[in-house]
Amino acid sequence: MNHEKQPAVYMVANRYRGTIYVGVTSALWSRICSHKNGTTPGFTLRYKANRLVWYEHRLTMETAIRREKQIKAWKRDWKIELIEGMNPDWRDLHDEIDSLATLVSE
């Protein structure tokens, strides 16, 4: 579990194949804690989307934001395919965050 700041794109859901939220952050572990504690207002709180189901780290915030916008524009089926490529059971990955394993360089 790494609490260092490193840009990441992530998806949280409220259940298996449920509501999906795509976000970006510089501190993934802490951001997911905020979702779980209900201290992040808005969409994720309203739909109880607090299960980290997919993520990837980026070298810069600029590339993370670009990737977030790309994924947000996708069809739901494409997002599900991306999630299930990493996490077929939609497990909560919060305690397994590994920035090196998911680092994507451009």
PDB file of N, CA and C in Angstrom:
ATOM      1  N   MET A   1       0.845  -1.175   0.000  1.00  0.00           N
ATOM      2  CA  MET A   1       0.000   0.000   0.000  1.00  0.00           C
ATOM      3  C   MET A   1       0.888   1.235   0.000  1.00  0.00           C
ATOM      4  N   ASN A   2       0.801   1.997  -1.059  1.00  0.00           N
ATOM      5  CA  ASN A   2       1.667   3.148  -1.245  1.00  0.00           C
ATOM      6  C   ASN A   2       0.841   4.425  -1.172  1.00  0.00           C
ATOM      7  N   HIS A   3       1.171   5.304  -0.238  1.00  0.00           N
ATOM      8  CA  HIS A   3       0.403   6.525  -0.042  1.00  0.00           C
ATOM      9  C   HIS A   3       1.059   7.719  -0.724  1.00  0.00           C
ATOM     10  N   GLU A   4       2.122   7.495  -1.504  1.00  0.00           N
ATOM     11  CA  GLU A   4       2.796   8.587  -2.184  1.00  0.00           C
ATOM     12  C   GLU A   4       1.898   9.185  -3.250  1.00  0.00           C
ATOM     13  N   LYS A   5       2.209  10.421  -3.608  1.00  0.00           N
ATOM     14  CA  LYS A   5       1.455  11.074  -4.674  1.00  0.00           C
ATOM     15  C   LYS A   5       1.973  10.612  -6.022  1.00  0.00           C
ATOM     16  N   GLN A   6       1.053  10.126  -6.823  1.00  0.00           N
ATOM     17  CA  GLN A   6       1.354   9.734  -8.193  1.00  0.00           C
ATOM     18  C   GLN A   6       0.041   9.766  -8.970  1.00  0.00           C
ATOM     19  N   PRO A   7       0.011  10.449 -10.099  1.00  0.00           N
ATOM     20  CA  PRO A   7      -1.228  10.564 -10.870  1.00  0.00           C
ATOM     21  C   PRO A   7      -1.811   9.199 -11.221  1.00  0.00           C
ATOM     22  N   ALA A   8      -3.128   9.103 -11.114  1.00  0.00           N
ATOM     23  CA  ALA A   8      -3.821   7.861 -11.433  1.00  0.00           C
ATOM     24  C   ALA A   8      -5.210   8.150 -11.987  1.00  0.00           C
ATOM     25  N   VAL A   9      -5.645   7.276 -12.864  1.00  0.00           N
ATOM     26  CA  VAL A   9      -7.014   7.255 -13.359  1.00  0.00           C
ATOM     27  C   VAL A   9      -7.653   6.042 -12.695  1.00  0.00           C
ATOM     28  N   TYR A  10      -8.908   6.161 -12.304  1.00  0.00           N
ATOM     29  CA  TYR A  10      -9.528   5.050 -11.591  1.00  0.00           C
ATOM     30  C   TYR A  10     -11.014   4.962 -11.889  1.00  0.00           C
ATOM     31  N   MET A  11     -11.565   3.781 -11.619  1.00  0.00           N
ATOM     32  CA  MET A  11     -13.008   3.596 -11.690  1.00  0.00           C
ATOM     33  C   MET A  11     -13.467   2.958 -10.389  1.00  0.00           C
ATOM     34  N   VAL A  12     -14.531   3.525  -9.841  1.00  0.00           N
ATOM     35  CA  VAL A  12     -15.189   2.946  -8.670  1.00  0.00           C
ATOM     36  C   VAL A  12     -16.596   2.543  -9.089  1.00  0.00           C
ATOM     37  N   ALA A  13     -17.137   1.566  -8.384  1.00  0.00           N
ATOM     38  CA  ALA A  13     -18.487   1.087  -8.658  1.00  0.00           C
ATOM     39  C   ALA A  13     -19.189   0.824  -7.330  1.00  0.00           C
ATOM     40  N   ASN A  14     -20.504   0.723  -7.387  1.00  0.00           N
ATOM     41  CA  ASN A  14     -21.244   0.431  -6.163  1.00  0.00           C
ATOM     42  C   ASN A  14     -21.475  -1.068  -5.971  1.00  0.00           C
ATOM     43  N   ARG A  15     -21.330  -1.855  -7.042  1.00  0.00           N
ATOM     44  CA  ARG A  15     -21.487  -3.309  -6.967  1.00  0.00           C
ATOM     45  C   ARG A  15     -21.022  -3.909  -8.287  1.00  0.00           C
ATOM     46  N   TYR A  16     -21.045  -5.217  -8.378  1.00  0.00           N
ATOM     47  CA  TYR A  16     -20.684  -5.920  -9.603  1.00  0.00           C
ATOM     48  C   TYR A  16     -21.539  -5.418 -10.756  1.00  0.00           C
ATOM     49  N   ARG A  17     -20.875  -4.902 -11.785  1.00  0.00           N
ATOM     50  CA  ARG A  17     -21.524  -4.359 -12.974  1.00  0.00           C
ATOM     51  C   ARG A  17     -22.576  -3.300 -12.662  1.00  0.00           C
ATOM     52  N   GLY A  18     -22.375  -2.588 -11.564  1.00  0.00           N
ATOM     53  CA  GLY A  18     -23.308  -1.536 -11.161  1.00  0.00           C
ATOM     54  C   GLY A  18     -22.899  -0.184 -11.725  1.00  0.00           C
ATOM     55  N   THR A  19     -23.228   0.858 -10.984  1.00  0.00           N
ATOM     56  CA  THR A  19     -22.903   2.218 -11.376  1.00  0.00           C
ATOM     57  C   THR A  19     -21.397   2.413 -11.359  1.00  0.00           C
ATOM     58  N   ILE A  20     -20.865   3.034 -12.413  1.00  0.00           N
ATOM     59  CA  ILE A  20     -19.425   3.245 -12.564  1.00  0.00           C
ATOM     60  C   ILE A  20     -19.128   4.734 -12.574  1.00  0.00           C
ATOM     61  N   TYR A  21     -18.082   5.097 -11.852  1.00  0.00           N
ATOM     62  CA  TYR A  21     -17.584   6.480 -11.873  1.00  0.00           C
ATOM     63  C   TYR A  21     -16.118   6.448 -12.295  1.00  0.00           C
ATOM     64  N   VAL A  22     -15.735   7.331 -13.202  1.00  0.00           N
ATOM     65  CA  VAL A  22     -14.348   7.454 -13.657  1.00  0.00           C
ATOM     66  C   VAL A  22     -13.783   8.736 -13.069  1.00  0.00           C
ATOM     67  N   GLY A  23     -12.609   8.647 -12.438  1.00  0.00           N
ATOM     68  CA  GLY A  23     -11.988   9.820 -11.843  1.00  0.00           C
ATOM     69  C   GLY A  23     -10.486   9.852 -12.047  1.00  0.00           C
ATOM     70  N   VAL A  24      -9.889  10.952 -11.611  1.00  0.00           N
ATOM     71  CA  VAL A  24      -8.442  11.132 -11.679  1.00  0.00           C
ATOM     72  C   VAL A  24      -7.994  11.749 -10.362  1.00  0.00           C
ATOM     73  N   THR A  25      -6.799  11.395  -9.922  1.00  0.00           N
ATOM     74  CA  THR A  25      -6.290  11.898  -8.654  1.00  0.00           C
ATOM     75  C   THR A  25      -4.769  11.833  -8.649  1.00  0.00           C
ATOM     76  N   SER A  26      -4.167  12.554  -7.723  1.00  0.00           N
ATOM     77  CA  SER A  26      -2.716  12.464  -7.546  1.00  0.00           C
ATOM     78  C   SER A  26      -2.359  11.555  -6.370  1.00  0.00           C
ATOM     79  N   ALA A  27      -3.362  11.109  -5.626  1.00  0.00           N
ATOM     80  CA  ALA A  27      -3.138  10.246  -4.466  1.00  0.00           C
ATOM     81  C   ALA A  27      -4.278   9.231  -4.378  1.00  0.00           C
ATOM     82  N   LEU A  28      -4.149   8.126  -5.096  1.00  0.00           N
ATOM     83  CA  LEU A  28      -5.228   7.165  -5.260  1.00  0.00           C
ATOM     84  C   LEU A  28      -5.710   6.574  -3.938  1.00  0.00           C
ATOM     85  N   TRP A  29      -4.807   6.093  -3.113  1.00  0.00           N
ATOM     86  CA  TRP A  29      -5.211   5.440  -1.875  1.00  0.00           C
ATOM     87  C   TRP A  29      -6.058   6.376  -1.017  1.00  0.00           C
ATOM     88  N   SER A  30      -5.618   7.613  -0.880  1.00  0.00           N
ATOM     89  CA  SER A  30      -6.351   8.596  -0.074  1.00  0.00           C
ATOM     90  C   SER A  30      -7.693   8.954  -0.703  1.00  0.00           C
ATOM     91  N   ARG A  31      -7.729   9.089  -2.018  1.00  0.00           N
ATOM     92  CA  ARG A  31      -8.987   9.431  -2.692  1.00  0.00           C
ATOM     93  C   ARG A  31     -10.028   8.340  -2.472  1.00  0.00           C
ATOM     94  N   ILE A  32      -9.604   7.087  -2.574  1.00  0.00           N
ATOM     95  CA  ILE A  32     -10.556   5.993  -2.374  1.00  0.00           C
ATOM     96  C   ILE A  32     -11.030   5.968  -0.929  1.00  0.00           C
ATOM     97  N   CYS A  33     -10.157   6.292   0.005  1.00  0.00           N
ATOM     98  CA  CYS A  33     -10.583   6.418   1.410  1.00  0.00           C
ATOM     99  C   CYS A  33     -11.686   7.459   1.533  1.00  0.00           C
ATOM    100  N   SER A  34     -11.538   8.568   0.836  1.00  0.00           N
ATOM    101  CA  SER A  34     -12.560   9.620   0.852  1.00  0.00           C
ATOM    102  C   SER A  34     -13.888   9.106   0.306  1.00  0.00           C
ATOM    103  N   HIS A  35     -13.835   8.340  -0.779  1.00  0.00           N
ATOM    104  CA  HIS A  35     -15.068   7.764  -1.328  1.00  0.00           C
ATOM    105  C   HIS A  35     -15.697   6.810  -0.310  1.00  0.00           C
ATOM    106  N   LYS A  36     -14.886   5.975   0.321  1.00  0.00           N
ATOM    107  CA  LYS A  36     -15.396   5.003   1.287  1.00  0.00           C
ATOM    108  C   LYS A  36     -15.988   5.677   2.523  1.00  0.00           C
ATOM    109  N   ASN A  37     -15.384   6.769   2.953  1.00  0.00           N
ATOM    110  CA  ASN A  37     -15.851   7.483   4.143  1.00  0.00           C
ATOM    111  C   ASN A  37     -17.004   8.434   3.853  1.00  0.00           C
ATOM    112  N   GLY A  38     -17.350   8.581   2.589  1.00  0.00           N
ATOM    113  CA  GLY A  38     -18.447   9.458   2.214  1.00  0.00           C
ATOM    114  C   GLY A  38     -18.117  10.931   2.323  1.00  0.00           C
ATOM    115  N   THR A  39     -16.829  11.263   2.234  1.00  0.00           N
ATOM    116  CA  THR A  39     -16.422  12.666   2.340  1.00  0.00           C
ATOM    117  C   THR A  39     -16.187  13.313   0.977  1.00  0.00           C
ATOM    118  N   THR A  40     -16.418  12.552  -0.092  1.00  0.00           N
ATOM    119  CA  THR A  40     -16.331  13.107  -1.442  1.00  0.00           C
ATOM    120  C   THR A  40     -17.760  13.334  -1.917  1.00  0.00           C
ATOM    121  N   PRO A  41     -18.203  14.590  -1.929  1.00  0.00           N
ATOM    122  CA  PRO A  41     -19.597  14.861  -2.305  1.00  0.00           C
ATOM    123  C   PRO A  41     -19.842  14.636  -3.792  1.00  0.00           C
ATOM    124  N   GLY A  42     -21.100  14.474  -4.149  1.00  0.00           N
ATOM    125  CA  GLY A  42     -21.464  14.366  -5.556  1.00  0.00           C
ATOM    126  C   GLY A  42     -21.891  12.966  -5.958  1.00  0.00           C
ATOM    127  N   PHE A  43     -21.554  12.625  -7.191  1.00  0.00           N
ATOM    128  CA  PHE A  43     -22.014  11.401  -7.837  1.00  0.00           C
ATOM    129  C   PHE A  43     -21.704  10.142  -7.032  1.00  0.00           C
ATOM    130  N   THR A  44     -20.455   9.998  -6.604  1.00  0.00           N
ATOM    131  CA  THR A  44     -20.067   8.750  -5.922  1.00  0.00           C
ATOM    132  C   THR A  44     -20.774   8.592  -4.583  1.00  0.00           C
ATOM    133  N   LEU A  45     -21.006   9.663  -3.891  1.00  0.00           N
ATOM    134  CA  LEU A  45     -21.726   9.602  -2.616  1.00  0.00           C
ATOM    135  C   LEU A  45     -23.194   9.255  -2.870  1.00  0.00           C
ATOM    136  N   ARG A  46     -23.793   9.911  -3.845  1.00  0.00           N
ATOM    137  CA  ARG A  46     -25.211   9.689  -4.171  1.00  0.00           C
ATOM    138  C   ARG A  46     -25.473   8.234  -4.548  1.00  0.00           C
ATOM    139  N   TYR A  47     -24.562   7.633  -5.330  1.00  0.00           N
ATOM    140  CA  TYR A  47     -24.766   6.263  -5.810  1.00  0.00           C
ATOM    141  C   TYR A  47     -23.987   5.218  -5.013  1.00  0.00           C
ATOM    142  N   LYS A  48     -23.357   5.645  -3.922  1.00  0.00           N
ATOM    143  CA  LYS A  48     -22.578   4.743  -3.061  1.00  0.00           C
ATOM    144  C   LYS A  48     -21.527   3.963  -3.850  1.00  0.00           C
ATOM    145  N   ALA A  49     -20.896   4.649  -4.802  1.00  0.00           N
ATOM    146  CA  ALA A  49     -19.828   4.048  -5.609  1.00  0.00           C
ATOM    147  C   ALA A  49     -18.513   4.240  -4.866  1.00  0.00           C
ATOM    148  N   ASN A  50     -18.089   3.229  -4.145  1.00  0.00           N
ATOM    149  CA  ASN A  50     -16.878   3.349  -3.325  1.00  0.00           C
ATOM    150  C   ASN A  50     -15.975   2.119  -3.407  1.00  0.00           C
ATOM    151  N   ARG A  51     -16.241   1.251  -4.355  1.00  0.00           N
ATOM    152  CA  ARG A  51     -15.427   0.049  -4.546  1.00  0.00           C
ATOM    153  C   ARG A  51     -14.465   0.304  -5.704  1.00  0.00           C
ATOM    154  N   LEU A  52     -13.164   0.335  -5.429  1.00  0.00           N
ATOM    155  CA  LEU A  52     -12.162   0.536  -6.476  1.00  0.00           C
ATOM    156  C   LEU A  52     -12.094  -0.732  -7.324  1.00  0.00           C
ATOM    157  N   VAL A  53     -12.523  -0.620  -8.585  1.00  0.00           N
ATOM    158  CA  VAL A  53     -12.575  -1.807  -9.445  1.00  0.00           C
ATOM    159  C   VAL A  53     -11.542  -1.793 -10.562  1.00  0.00           C
ATOM    160  N   TRP A  54     -10.964  -0.639 -10.836  1.00  0.00           N
ATOM    161  CA  TRP A  54      -9.938  -0.533 -11.884  1.00  0.00           C
ATOM    162  C   TRP A  54      -9.130   0.733 -11.649  1.00  0.00           C
ATOM    163  N   TYR A  55      -7.847   0.687 -11.994  1.00  0.00           N
ATOM    164  CA  TYR A  55      -6.994   1.882 -11.920  1.00  0.00           C
ATOM    165  C   TYR A  55      -5.738   1.679 -12.738  1.00  0.00           C
ATOM    166  N   GLU A  56      -5.136   2.795 -13.120  1.00  0.00           N
ATOM    167  CA  GLU A  56      -3.800   2.761 -13.705  1.00  0.00           C
ATOM    168  C   GLU A  56      -3.101   4.063 -13.342  1.00  0.00           C
ATOM    169  N   HIS A  57      -1.844   3.961 -13.056  1.00  0.00           N
ATOM    170  CA  HIS A  57      -1.037   5.135 -12.720  1.00  0.00           C
ATOM    171  C   HIS A  57      -0.392   5.694 -13.976  1.00  0.00           C
ATOM    172  N   ARG A  58      -0.177   6.983 -13.979  1.00  0.00           N
ATOM    173  CA  ARG A  58       0.430   7.695 -15.100  1.00  0.00           C
ATOM    174  C   ARG A  58       1.645   8.463 -14.612  1.00  0.00           C
ATOM    175  N   LEU A  59       2.531   8.822 -15.530  1.00  0.00           N
ATOM    176  CA  LEU A  59       3.732   9.560 -15.158  1.00  0.00           C
ATOM    177  C   LEU A  59       3.432  11.012 -14.811  1.00  0.00           C
ATOM    178  N   THR A  60       2.437  11.599 -15.491  1.00  0.00           N
ATOM    179  CA  THR A  60       2.106  13.004 -15.252  1.00  0.00           C
ATOM    180  C   THR A  60       0.601  13.162 -15.071  1.00  0.00           C
ATOM    181  N   MET A  61       0.211  14.226 -14.403  1.00  0.00           N
ATOM    182  CA  MET A  61      -1.208  14.516 -14.231  1.00  0.00           C
ATOM    183  C   MET A  61      -1.844  14.832 -15.585  1.00  0.00           C
ATOM    184  N   GLU A  62      -1.099  15.458 -16.457  1.00  0.00           N
ATOM    185  CA  GLU A  62      -1.613  15.776 -17.793  1.00  0.00           C
ATOM    186  C   GLU A  62      -2.049  14.517 -18.537  1.00  0.00           C
ATOM    187  N   THR A  63      -1.221  13.483 -18.518  1.00  0.00           N
ATOM    188  CA  THR A  63      -1.583  12.252 -19.217  1.00  0.00           C
ATOM    189  C   THR A  63      -2.707  11.518 -18.484  1.00  0.00           C
ATOM    190  N   ALA A  64      -2.761  11.637 -17.177  1.00  0.00           N
ATOM    191  CA  ALA A  64      -3.847  11.023 -16.408  1.00  0.00           C
ATOM    192  C   ALA A  64      -5.183  11.681 -16.756  1.00  0.00           C
ATOM    193  N   ILE A  65      -5.198  12.990 -16.836  1.00  0.00           N
ATOM    194  CA  ILE A  65      -6.425  13.723 -17.179  1.00  0.00           C
ATOM    195  C   ILE A  65      -6.870  13.383 -18.599  1.00  0.00           C
ATOM    196  N   ARG A  66      -5.912  13.298 -19.506  1.00  0.00           N
ATOM    197  CA  ARG A  66      -6.239  12.945 -20.890  1.00  0.00           C
ATOM    198  C   ARG A  66      -6.876  11.550 -20.947  1.00  0.00           C
ATOM    199  N   ARG A  67      -6.315  10.606 -20.206  1.00  0.00           N
ATOM    200  CA  ARG A  67      -6.859   9.239 -20.170  1.00  0.00           C
ATOM    201  C   ARG A  67      -8.246   9.219 -19.520  1.00  0.00           C
ATOM    202  N   GLU A  68      -8.432   9.984 -18.453  1.00  0.00           N
ATOM    203  CA  GLU A  68      -9.748  10.062 -17.796  1.00  0.00           C
ATOM    204  C   GLU A  68     -10.803  10.544 -18.785  1.00  0.00           C
ATOM    205  N   LYS A  69     -10.506  11.594 -19.522  1.00  0.00           N
ATOM    206  CA  LYS A  69     -11.460  12.132 -20.501  1.00  0.00           C
ATOM    207  C   LYS A  69     -11.760  11.114 -21.592  1.00  0.00           C
ATOM    208  N   GLN A  70     -10.723  10.386 -22.009  1.00  0.00           N
ATOM    209  CA  GLN A  70     -10.907   9.357 -23.025  1.00  0.00           C
ATOM    210  C   GLN A  70     -11.882   8.292 -22.527  1.00  0.00           C
ATOM    211  N   ILE A  71     -11.646   7.780 -21.318  1.00  0.00           N
ATOM    212  CA  ILE A  71     -12.490   6.715 -20.769  1.00  0.00           C
ATOM    213  C   ILE A  71     -13.908   7.218 -20.499  1.00  0.00           C
ATOM    214  N   LYS A  72     -14.047   8.439 -20.009  1.00  0.00           N
ATOM    215  CA  LYS A  72     -15.384   8.988 -19.753  1.00  0.00           C
ATOM    216  C   LYS A  72     -16.213   9.057 -21.025  1.00  0.00           C
ATOM    217  N   ALA A  73     -15.571   9.226 -22.171  1.00  0.00           N
ATOM    218  CA  ALA A  73     -16.278   9.315 -23.452  1.00  0.00           C
ATOM    219  C   ALA A  73     -16.669   7.937 -24.005  1.00  0.00           C
ATOM    220  N   TRP A  74     -16.133   6.883 -23.421  1.00  0.00           N
ATOM    221  CA  TRP A  74     -16.403   5.537 -23.905  1.00  0.00           C
ATOM    222  C   TRP A  74     -17.827   5.089 -23.599  1.00  0.00           C
ATOM    223  N   LYS A  75     -18.273   4.076 -24.344  1.00  0.00           N
ATOM    224  CA  LYS A  75     -19.525   3.393 -24.052  1.00  0.00           C
ATOM    225  C   LYS A  75     -19.341   2.573 -22.775  1.00  0.00           C
ATOM    226  N   ARG A  76     -20.432   2.341 -22.079  1.00  0.00           N
ATOM    227  CA  ARG A  76     -20.393   1.568 -20.833  1.00  0.00           C
ATOM    228  C   ARG A  76     -19.767   0.183 -21.045  1.00  0.00           C
ATOM    229  N   ASP A  77     -20.112  -0.478 -22.150  1.00  0.00           N
ATOM    230  CA  ASP A  77     -19.560  -1.814 -22.416  1.00  0.00           C
ATOM    231  C   ASP A  77     -18.037  -1.801 -22.489  1.00  0.00           C
ATOM    232  N   TRP A  78     -17.472  -0.737 -23.050  1.00  0.00           N
ATOM    233  CA  TRP A  78     -16.013  -0.647 -23.157  1.00  0.00           C
ATOM    234  C   TRP A  78     -15.396  -0.488 -21.770  1.00  0.00           C
ATOM    235  N   LYS A  79     -16.047   0.275 -20.910  1.00  0.00           N
ATOM    236  CA  LYS A  79     -15.549   0.452 -19.528  1.00  0.00           C
ATOM    237  C   LYS A  79     -15.591  -0.880 -18.791  1.00  0.00           C
ATOM    238  N   ILE A  80     -16.685  -1.610 -18.965  1.00  0.00           N
ATOM    239  CA  ILE A  80     -16.802  -2.921 -18.317  1.00  0.00           C
ATOM    240  C   ILE A  80     -15.709  -3.856 -18.813  1.00  0.00           C
ATOM    241  N   GLU A  81     -15.435  -3.839 -20.102  1.00  0.00           N
ATOM    242  CA  GLU A  81     -14.376  -4.683 -20.669  1.00  0.00           C
ATOM    243  C   GLU A  81     -13.013  -4.325 -20.066  1.00  0.00           C
ATOM    244  N   LEU A  82     -12.751  -3.035 -19.904  1.00  0.00           N
ATOM    245  CA  LEU A  82     -11.494  -2.593 -19.304  1.00  0.00           C
ATOM    246  C   LEU A  82     -11.394  -3.064 -17.854  1.00  0.00           C
ATOM    247  N   ILE A  83     -12.466  -2.889 -17.100  1.00  0.00           N
ATOM    248  CA  ILE A  83     -12.487  -3.333 -15.700  1.00  0.00           C
ATOM    249  C   ILE A  83     -12.240  -4.830 -15.623  1.00  0.00           C
ATOM    250  N   GLU A  84     -12.981  -5.597 -16.400  1.00  0.00           N
ATOM    251  CA  GLU A  84     -12.897  -7.050 -16.292  1.00  0.00           C
ATOM    252  C   GLU A  84     -11.597  -7.618 -16.840  1.00  0.00           C
ATOM    253  N   GLY A  85     -10.873  -6.835 -17.639  1.00  0.00           N
ATOM    254  CA  GLY A  85      -9.543  -7.254 -18.075  1.00  0.00           C
ATOM    255  C   GLY A  85      -8.557  -7.270 -16.913  1.00  0.00           C
ATOM    256  N   MET A  86      -8.770  -6.402 -15.948  1.00  0.00           N
ATOM    257  CA  MET A  86      -7.908  -6.318 -14.771  1.00  0.00           C
ATOM    258  C   MET A  86      -8.526  -7.038 -13.573  1.00  0.00           C
ATOM    259  N   ASN A  87      -9.841  -6.985 -13.477  1.00  0.00           N
ATOM    260  CA  ASN A  87     -10.532  -7.389 -12.261  1.00  0.00           C
ATOM    261  C   ASN A  87     -11.866  -8.059 -12.617  1.00  0.00           C
ATOM    262  N   PRO A  88     -11.834  -9.297 -13.124  1.00  0.00           N
ATOM    263  CA  PRO A  88     -13.055  -9.947 -13.612  1.00  0.00           C
ATOM    264  C   PRO A  88     -14.159 -10.102 -12.568  1.00  0.00           C
ATOM    265  N   ASP A  89     -13.802 -10.160 -11.308  1.00  0.00           N
ATOM    266  CA  ASP A  89     -14.801 -10.345 -10.248  1.00  0.00           C
ATOM    267  C   ASP A  89     -15.255  -9.041  -9.610  1.00  0.00           C
ATOM    268  N   TRP A  90     -14.730  -7.928 -10.092  1.00  0.00           N
ATOM    269  CA  TRP A  90     -15.076  -6.603  -9.568  1.00  0.00           C
ATOM    270  C   TRP A  90     -14.783  -6.515  -8.060  1.00  0.00           C
ATOM    271  N   ARG A  91     -13.666  -7.117  -7.641  1.00  0.00           N
ATOM    272  CA  ARG A  91     -13.241  -7.024  -6.236  1.00  0.00           C
ATOM    273  C   ARG A  91     -12.831  -5.593  -5.922  1.00  0.00           C
ATOM    274  N   ASP A  92     -12.872  -5.234  -4.668  1.00  0.00           N
ATOM    275  CA  ASP A  92     -12.372  -3.930  -4.236  1.00  0.00           C
ATOM    276  C   ASP A  92     -10.853  -4.023  -4.171  1.00  0.00           C
ATOM    277  N   LEU A  93     -10.179  -3.247  -5.001  1.00  0.00           N
ATOM    278  CA  LEU A  93      -8.712  -3.305  -5.121  1.00  0.00           C
ATOM    279  C   LEU A  93      -7.997  -2.307  -4.213  1.00  0.00           C
ATOM    280  N   HIS A  94      -8.721  -1.617  -3.359  1.00  0.00           N
ATOM    281  CA  HIS A  94      -8.141  -0.541  -2.555  1.00  0.00           C
ATOM    282  C   HIS A  94      -6.907  -0.982  -1.779  1.00  0.00           C
ATOM    283  N   ASP A  95      -6.969  -2.120  -1.126  1.00  0.00           N
ATOM    284  CA  ASP A  95      -5.836  -2.571  -0.315  1.00  0.00           C
ATOM    285  C   ASP A  95      -4.736  -3.232  -1.129  1.00  0.00           C
ATOM    286  N   GLU A  96      -4.931  -3.321  -2.444  1.00  0.00           N
ATOM    287  CA  GLU A  96      -3.943  -3.955  -3.318  1.00  0.00           C
ATOM    288  C   GLU A  96      -3.300  -2.968  -4.278  1.00  0.00           C
ATOM    289  N   ILE A  97      -3.462  -1.684  -4.066  1.00  0.00           N
ATOM    290  CA  ILE A  97      -2.938  -0.683  -4.990  1.00  0.00           C
ATOM    291  C   ILE A  97      -1.427  -0.841  -5.133  1.00  0.00           C
ATOM    292  N   ASP A  98      -0.993  -0.946  -6.371  1.00  0.00           N
ATOM    293  CA  ASP A  98       0.429  -1.083  -6.683  1.00  0.00           C
ATOM    294  C   ASP A  98       0.740  -0.149  -7.854  1.00  0.00           C
ATOM    295  N   SER A  99       1.347   0.983  -7.551  1.00  0.00           N
ATOM    296  CA  SER A  99       1.584   1.989  -8.586  1.00  0.00           C
ATOM    297  C   SER A  99       2.573   1.512  -9.647  1.00  0.00           C
ATOM    298  N   LEU A 100       3.500   0.673  -9.288  1.00  0.00           N
ATOM    299  CA  LEU A 100       4.474   0.188 -10.273  1.00  0.00           C
ATOM    300  C   LEU A 100       3.851  -0.815 -11.229  1.00  0.00           C
ATOM    301  N   ALA A 101       2.966  -1.644 -10.721  1.00  0.00           N
ATOM    302  CA  ALA A 101       2.343  -2.667 -11.559  1.00  0.00           C
ATOM    303  C   ALA A 101       1.401  -2.066 -12.599  1.00  0.00           C
ATOM    304  N   THR A 102       0.860  -0.892 -12.318  1.00  0.00           N
ATOM    305  CA  THR A 102      -0.134  -0.313 -13.231  1.00  0.00           C
ATOM    306  C   THR A 102       0.374   0.960 -13.908  1.00  0.00           C
ATOM    307  N   LEU A 103       1.647   1.261 -13.795  1.00  0.00           N
ATOM    308  CA  LEU A 103       2.197   2.490 -14.385  1.00  0.00           C
ATOM    309  C   LEU A 103       2.198   2.386 -15.907  1.00  0.00           C
ATOM    310  N   VAL A 104       1.577   3.353 -16.541  1.00  0.00           N
ATOM    311  CA  VAL A 104       1.532   3.419 -17.993  1.00  0.00           C
ATOM    312  C   VAL A 104       2.308   4.656 -18.404  1.00  0.00           C
ATOM    313  N   SER A 105       3.333   4.455 -19.203  1.00  0.00           N
ATOM    314  CA  SER A 105       4.123   5.602 -19.658  1.00  0.00           C
ATOM    315  C   SER A 105       3.755   5.905 -21.102  1.00  0.00           C
ATOM    316  N   GLU A 106       3.851   7.167 -21.466  1.00  0.00           N
ATOM    317  CA  GLU A 106       3.528   7.561 -22.843  1.00  0.00           C
ATOM    318  C   GLU A 106       4.736   8.185 -23.475  1.00  0.00           C
TER     319      GLU A 106
END
